[in-house]
Amino acid sequence: MTDRVRVDRDVEGTGDDITDPETGNVTVPLSDSSRVYEGPAMVTERAMIGQVVVQGSVDETRQRYQVSIPFESPPILIGDLVTVLAAADPHLVAKPLRVTQVAYGTHVARRRLTCELSTPALRT
């Protein structure tokens, strides 16, 4: 695993999070964040097709990624925020990925997290 990620838990929920409308980066207030994991990972795109979602007056594009971390890592929960700290692809760095699924199993060598990246969609 050559990438590096940080996983934070938003203990108060997403209602007080701040989303930058231009970049889509989500900021969780420091007093509201609990560090769950920081360390090696592997980040790959899971689906080549982005999904456009309309939420209120804002269109956003959602892309899926798979983040693999060591099997021995602390429990990760749906809704946790994964931030890419270092990656071979520099465009992944600082991307906020929200955990939408955690894979469990008996014969697994790493913990696989399905995550979504939400960014504002361009209107034409």
C-alpha atoms as a PDB file:
ATOM      1  CA  MET A   1       0.000   0.000   0.000  1.00  0.00           C
ATOM      2  CA  THR A   2       1.722   3.137  -1.238  1.00  0.00           C
ATOM      3  CA  ASP A   3      -0.934   5.783  -0.536  1.00  0.00           C
ATOM      4  CA  ARG A   4      -1.566   7.363   2.865  1.00  0.00           C
ATOM      5  CA  VAL A   5      -4.959   8.326   4.310  1.00  0.00           C
ATOM      6  CA  ARG A   6      -6.542   9.708   7.448  1.00  0.00           C
ATOM      7  CA  VAL A   7      -9.987   8.580   8.630  1.00  0.00           C
ATOM      8  CA  ASP A   8     -11.967  10.897  10.894  1.00  0.00           C
ATOM      9  CA  ARG A   9     -15.308  10.299  12.548  1.00  0.00           C
ATOM     10  CA  ASP A  10     -17.772  13.178  12.655  1.00  0.00           C
ATOM     11  CA  VAL A  11     -19.130  12.592  16.156  1.00  0.00           C
ATOM     12  CA  GLU A  12     -21.855  15.261  15.856  1.00  0.00           C
ATOM     13  CA  GLY A  13     -23.011  14.245  12.364  1.00  0.00           C
ATOM     14  CA  THR A  14     -22.717  16.097   9.067  1.00  0.00           C
ATOM     15  CA  GLY A  15     -25.181  18.908   9.848  1.00  0.00           C
ATOM     16  CA  ASP A  16     -22.455  21.322  10.956  1.00  0.00           C
ATOM     17  CA  ASP A  17     -19.893  20.412   8.285  1.00  0.00           C
ATOM     18  CA  ILE A  18     -18.727  23.125   5.891  1.00  0.00           C
ATOM     19  CA  THR A  19     -18.555  22.324   2.164  1.00  0.00           C
ATOM     20  CA  ASP A  20     -16.516  24.564  -0.120  1.00  0.00           C
ATOM     21  CA  PRO A  21     -18.884  25.206  -3.083  1.00  0.00           C
ATOM     22  CA  GLU A  22     -16.010  25.469  -5.579  1.00  0.00           C
ATOM     23  CA  THR A  23     -13.903  22.460  -4.619  1.00  0.00           C
ATOM     24  CA  GLY A  24     -16.433  20.266  -2.852  1.00  0.00           C
ATOM     25  CA  ASN A  25     -13.970  19.761   0.026  1.00  0.00           C
ATOM     26  CA  VAL A  26     -15.736  19.081   3.310  1.00  0.00           C
ATOM     27  CA  THR A  27     -14.407  20.589   6.535  1.00  0.00           C
ATOM     28  CA  VAL A  28     -15.472  19.004   9.809  1.00  0.00           C
ATOM     29  CA  PRO A  29     -15.142  21.344  12.799  1.00  0.00           C
ATOM     30  CA  LEU A  30     -12.092  20.267  14.842  1.00  0.00           C
ATOM     31  CA  SER A  31     -14.119  20.000  18.037  1.00  0.00           C
ATOM     32  CA  ASP A  32     -16.463  17.635  16.198  1.00  0.00           C
ATOM     33  CA  SER A  33     -13.843  15.286  14.746  1.00  0.00           C
ATOM     34  CA  SER A  34     -12.353  12.109  16.172  1.00  0.00           C
ATOM     35  CA  ARG A  35      -9.316  10.511  14.468  1.00  0.00           C
ATOM     36  CA  VAL A  36      -9.962   6.830  13.753  1.00  0.00           C
ATOM     37  CA  TYR A  37      -7.012   5.829  11.547  1.00  0.00           C
ATOM     38  CA  GLU A  38      -3.997   7.323   9.833  1.00  0.00           C
ATOM     39  CA  GLY A  39      -1.624   5.218   7.801  1.00  0.00           C
ATOM     40  CA  PRO A  40      -0.984   3.262   4.621  1.00  0.00           C
ATOM     41  CA  ALA A  41      -3.746   2.684   2.093  1.00  0.00           C
ATOM     42  CA  MET A  42      -4.500   1.951  -1.532  1.00  0.00           C
ATOM     43  CA  VAL A  43      -7.000   4.238  -3.289  1.00  0.00           C
ATOM     44  CA  THR A  44      -8.530   3.202  -6.611  1.00  0.00           C
ATOM     45  CA  GLU A  45     -11.451   4.432  -8.668  1.00  0.00           C
ATOM     46  CA  ARG A  46     -14.311   1.965  -8.337  1.00  0.00           C
ATOM     47  CA  ALA A  47     -16.571   3.127 -11.162  1.00  0.00           C
ATOM     48  CA  MET A  48     -15.695   5.151 -14.216  1.00  0.00           C
ATOM     49  CA  ILE A  49     -19.187   6.631 -14.435  1.00  0.00           C
ATOM     50  CA  GLY A  50     -19.970   9.581 -12.183  1.00  0.00           C
ATOM     51  CA  GLN A  51     -23.521  10.064 -10.975  1.00  0.00           C
ATOM     52  CA  VAL A  52     -25.080  13.544 -11.078  1.00  0.00           C
ATOM     53  CA  VAL A  53     -27.371  14.205  -8.125  1.00  0.00           C
ATOM     54  CA  VAL A  54     -29.570  17.254  -7.599  1.00  0.00           C
ATOM     55  CA  GLN A  55     -29.762  18.335  -3.961  1.00  0.00           C
ATOM     56  CA  GLY A  56     -31.918  21.411  -3.572  1.00  0.00           C
ATOM     57  CA  SER A  57     -30.557  24.015  -5.968  1.00  0.00           C
ATOM     58  CA  VAL A  58     -27.113  22.398  -6.269  1.00  0.00           C
ATOM     59  CA  ASP A  59     -26.092  19.700  -8.727  1.00  0.00           C
ATOM     60  CA  GLU A  60     -23.242  17.477  -7.612  1.00  0.00           C
ATOM     61  CA  THR A  61     -21.281  14.682  -9.211  1.00  0.00           C
ATOM     62  CA  ARG A  62     -20.556  11.583  -7.126  1.00  0.00           C
ATOM     63  CA  GLN A  63     -17.689   9.269  -7.985  1.00  0.00           C
ATOM     64  CA  ARG A  64     -16.966   5.987  -6.231  1.00  0.00           C
ATOM     65  CA  TYR A  65     -13.580   4.936  -4.928  1.00  0.00           C
ATOM     66  CA  GLN A  66     -12.289   1.904  -3.101  1.00  0.00           C
ATOM     67  CA  VAL A  67      -9.939   2.565  -0.212  1.00  0.00           C
ATOM     68  CA  SER A  68      -8.074  -0.417   1.185  1.00  0.00           C
ATOM     69  CA  ILE A  69      -6.420  -0.205   4.599  1.00  0.00           C
ATOM     70  CA  PRO A  70      -4.717  -2.869   6.737  1.00  0.00           C
ATOM     71  CA  PHE A  71      -7.048  -5.553   8.082  1.00  0.00           C
ATOM     72  CA  GLU A  72      -5.921  -4.831  11.655  1.00  0.00           C
ATOM     73  CA  SER A  73      -7.107  -1.196  11.460  1.00  0.00           C
ATOM     74  CA  PRO A  74      -9.670   0.098  13.980  1.00  0.00           C
ATOM     75  CA  PRO A  75     -13.340  -0.299  13.000  1.00  0.00           C
ATOM     76  CA  ILE A  76     -14.442   2.103  10.270  1.00  0.00           C
ATOM     77  CA  LEU A  77     -18.093   3.183  10.128  1.00  0.00           C
ATOM     78  CA  ILE A  78     -20.344   4.303   7.295  1.00  0.00           C
ATOM     79  CA  GLY A  79     -20.201   8.092   7.235  1.00  0.00           C
ATOM     80  CA  ASP A  80     -16.550   8.347   8.315  1.00  0.00           C
ATOM     81  CA  LEU A  81     -14.493  10.837   6.287  1.00  0.00           C
ATOM     82  CA  VAL A  82     -11.369   9.600   4.489  1.00  0.00           C
ATOM     83  CA  THR A  83      -8.836  12.251   3.477  1.00  0.00           C
ATOM     84  CA  VAL A  84      -6.076  11.240   1.067  1.00  0.00           C
ATOM     85  CA  LEU A  85      -2.779  12.541   2.505  1.00  0.00           C
ATOM     86  CA  ALA A  86      -0.374  11.137  -0.105  1.00  0.00           C
ATOM     87  CA  ALA A  87      -0.853   9.234  -3.355  1.00  0.00           C
ATOM     88  CA  ALA A  88       0.967   8.390  -6.561  1.00  0.00           C
ATOM     89  CA  ASP A  89      -1.782  10.410  -8.287  1.00  0.00           C
ATOM     90  CA  PRO A  90      -1.319  13.954  -6.921  1.00  0.00           C
ATOM     91  CA  HIS A  91      -4.907  14.840  -7.888  1.00  0.00           C
ATOM     92  CA  LEU A  92      -6.188  12.499  -5.160  1.00  0.00           C
ATOM     93  CA  VAL A  93      -4.388  14.351  -2.370  1.00  0.00           C
ATOM     94  CA  ALA A  94      -6.738  16.262  -0.024  1.00  0.00           C
ATOM     95  CA  LYS A  95      -9.853  14.748  -1.604  1.00  0.00           C
ATOM     96  CA  PRO A  96     -12.614  14.160   0.961  1.00  0.00           C
ATOM     97  CA  LEU A  97     -14.107  10.684   0.521  1.00  0.00           C
ATOM     98  CA  ARG A  98     -17.190   9.692   2.528  1.00  0.00           C
ATOM     99  CA  VAL A  99     -17.398   5.988   3.518  1.00  0.00           C
ATOM    100  CA  THR A 100     -20.597   4.416   2.130  1.00  0.00           C
ATOM    101  CA  GLN A 101     -19.820   0.718   2.659  1.00  0.00           C
ATOM    102  CA  VAL A 102     -17.359  -1.419   4.647  1.00  0.00           C
ATOM    103  CA  ALA A 103     -16.576  -4.958   3.457  1.00  0.00           C
ATOM    104  CA  TYR A 104     -16.195  -7.706   6.049  1.00  0.00           C
ATOM    105  CA  GLY A 105     -15.174 -11.311   5.604  1.00  0.00           C
ATOM    106  CA  THR A 106     -13.304 -14.261   7.005  1.00  0.00           C
ATOM    107  CA  HIS A 107     -10.587 -14.560   4.371  1.00  0.00           C
ATOM    108  CA  VAL A 108      -9.571 -10.957   3.791  1.00  0.00           C
ATOM    109  CA  ALA A 109      -6.085  -9.475   3.857  1.00  0.00           C
ATOM    110  CA  ARG A 110      -7.179  -5.834   3.927  1.00  0.00           C
ATOM    111  CA  ARG A 111     -10.234  -3.827   4.912  1.00  0.00           C
ATOM    112  CA  ARG A 112     -12.047  -2.510   1.812  1.00  0.00           C
ATOM    113  CA  LEU A 113     -14.031   0.713   2.082  1.00  0.00           C
ATOM    114  CA  THR A 114     -16.357   1.959  -0.634  1.00  0.00           C
ATOM    115  CA  CYS A 115     -16.288   5.751  -0.622  1.00  0.00           C
ATOM    116  CA  GLU A 116     -17.877   8.613  -2.544  1.00  0.00           C
ATOM    117  CA  LEU A 117     -16.375  11.885  -3.665  1.00  0.00           C
ATOM    118  CA  SER A 118     -19.002  14.598  -4.114  1.00  0.00           C
ATOM    119  CA  THR A 119     -18.119  17.668  -6.166  1.00  0.00           C
ATOM    120  CA  PRO A 120     -20.266  20.472  -7.572  1.00  0.00           C
ATOM    121  CA  ALA A 121     -21.380  19.689 -11.115  1.00  0.00           C
ATOM    122  CA  LEU A 122     -20.948  22.234 -13.874  1.00  0.00           C
ATOM    123  CA  ARG A 123     -24.195  23.449 -15.362  1.00  0.00           C
ATOM    124  CA  THR A 124     -24.327  24.098 -19.073  1.00  0.00           C
END
